[in-house]
């Protein structure tokens, strides 16, 4: 499902796996384990309308993958014109939110 969601949007699936690892330890621990949000996206899921109070909550991992790929494609690439991983990370996980952008990019 992750591969299909990414390739349909022109996103390298390996990049999605890197985000999944960085944001949610591939869904093994924390809130992502319950909310199936591979990218810990804040707000309400557009497909299911669910949230865990902070992050979008999905009925399935496939739904979460589709939403993450849509978000990256539409909000970061198309809307903002971001072209590199560093540019995307600087908006998606900025240092102002306590993130280590260089470390994030390196892991992804």
Protein backbone atom coordinates (compact mmCIF):
# COMPACT_ATOMS: atom_id res chain seq x y z
CA UNK A 1 0.00 0.00 0.00
CA UNK A 2 2.85 2.39 0.82
CA UNK A 3 4.63 1.60 -2.43
CA UNK A 4 1.46 2.19 -4.46
CA UNK A 5 0.55 5.41 -2.63
CA UNK A 6 4.01 6.81 -3.27
CA UNK A 7 4.52 5.72 -6.85
CA UNK A 8 1.07 7.06 -7.78
CA UNK A 9 2.28 10.47 -6.56
CA UNK A 10 5.83 10.28 -7.97
CA UNK A 11 7.42 9.90 -4.53
CA UNK A 12 10.29 7.50 -3.94
CA UNK A 13 8.89 4.85 -1.56
CA UNK A 14 12.27 4.69 0.20
CA UNK A 15 11.77 8.31 1.28
CA UNK A 16 8.38 7.38 2.74
CA UNK A 17 9.97 4.52 4.68
CA UNK A 18 12.54 6.99 6.06
CA UNK A 19 9.79 9.34 7.23
CA UNK A 20 7.90 6.35 8.69
CA UNK A 21 11.00 5.31 10.64
CA UNK A 22 11.78 8.84 11.83
CA UNK A 23 8.25 9.85 12.76
CA UNK A 24 6.81 6.66 14.19
CA UNK A 25 9.50 3.95 14.48
CA UNK A 26 7.60 2.22 11.67
CA UNK A 27 4.49 2.10 13.82
CA UNK A 28 6.01 -0.08 16.52
CA UNK A 29 5.77 2.35 19.44
CA UNK A 30 3.98 5.46 20.61
CA UNK A 31 0.86 7.03 19.23
CA UNK A 32 1.45 5.88 15.65
CA UNK A 33 1.03 2.29 16.78
CA UNK A 34 -2.58 3.13 17.58
CA UNK A 35 -3.42 5.88 15.08
CA UNK A 36 -1.72 4.32 12.01
CA UNK A 37 -0.23 7.70 11.08
CA UNK A 38 3.08 6.89 9.48
CA UNK A 39 4.06 10.56 9.39
CA UNK A 40 2.43 11.81 12.60
CA UNK A 41 0.40 14.36 10.64
CA UNK A 42 -1.42 16.80 12.88
CA UNK A 43 -5.15 17.34 12.50
CA UNK A 44 -8.05 15.23 11.26
CA UNK A 45 -7.79 12.52 8.61
CA UNK A 46 -9.52 13.64 5.42
CA UNK A 47 -10.66 10.09 4.56
CA UNK A 48 -11.96 8.91 7.92
CA UNK A 49 -12.40 12.23 9.73
CA UNK A 50 -10.58 10.79 12.75
CA UNK A 51 -7.98 12.24 15.10
CA UNK A 52 -6.34 11.12 18.34
CA UNK A 53 -6.62 14.65 19.66
CA UNK A 54 -3.39 15.85 18.06
CA UNK A 55 -2.54 13.60 15.13
CA UNK A 56 -4.63 12.20 12.32
CA UNK A 57 -5.99 8.75 13.02
CA UNK A 58 -6.61 6.23 10.26
CA UNK A 59 -8.66 3.07 9.97
CA UNK A 60 -5.81 1.29 8.15
CA UNK A 61 -2.10 1.76 7.43
CA UNK A 62 -3.01 2.01 3.73
CA UNK A 63 -5.24 5.01 4.47
CA UNK A 64 -2.40 6.64 6.42
CA UNK A 65 0.03 5.98 3.56
CA UNK A 66 -2.30 7.52 0.98
CA UNK A 67 -2.80 10.61 3.12
CA UNK A 68 0.93 11.06 3.77
CA UNK A 69 1.75 10.76 0.05
CA UNK A 70 -1.06 13.18 -0.84
CA UNK A 71 0.15 15.67 1.75
CA UNK A 72 3.76 15.58 0.55
CA UNK A 73 2.76 15.82 -3.11
CA UNK A 74 0.05 18.47 -2.86
CA UNK A 75 1.13 20.61 0.10
CA UNK A 76 4.90 20.44 -0.12
CA UNK A 77 5.81 19.79 -3.76
CA UNK A 78 2.96 21.33 -5.75
CA UNK A 79 1.82 24.15 -3.43
CA UNK A 80 5.19 25.23 -2.03
CA UNK A 81 7.41 24.11 -4.92
CA UNK A 82 9.82 22.24 -2.65
CA UNK A 83 12.19 20.02 -4.60
CA UNK A 84 14.68 18.51 -2.17
CA UNK A 85 14.37 16.40 0.94
CA UNK A 86 16.07 19.13 2.98
CA UNK A 87 13.51 21.68 1.82
CA UNK A 88 10.60 19.39 2.69
CA UNK A 89 12.00 18.51 6.12
CA UNK A 90 12.62 22.17 6.97
CA UNK A 91 8.84 22.73 6.67
CA UNK A 92 7.56 19.29 7.76
CA UNK A 93 9.78 18.95 10.85
CA UNK A 94 11.40 22.34 11.48
CA UNK A 95 14.03 22.94 14.11
CA UNK A 96 11.63 25.46 15.68
CA UNK A 97 9.54 22.43 16.73
CA UNK A 98 12.56 20.87 18.43
CA UNK A 99 13.62 18.70 15.49
CA UNK A 100 17.18 18.08 14.35
CA UNK A 101 16.68 18.79 10.64
CA UNK A 102 20.12 17.56 9.56
CA UNK A 103 19.70 14.38 11.56
CA UNK A 104 16.21 13.88 10.16
CA UNK A 105 17.42 14.25 6.58
CA UNK A 106 20.37 11.96 7.27
CA UNK A 107 18.11 9.22 8.62
CA UNK A 108 15.63 9.50 5.77
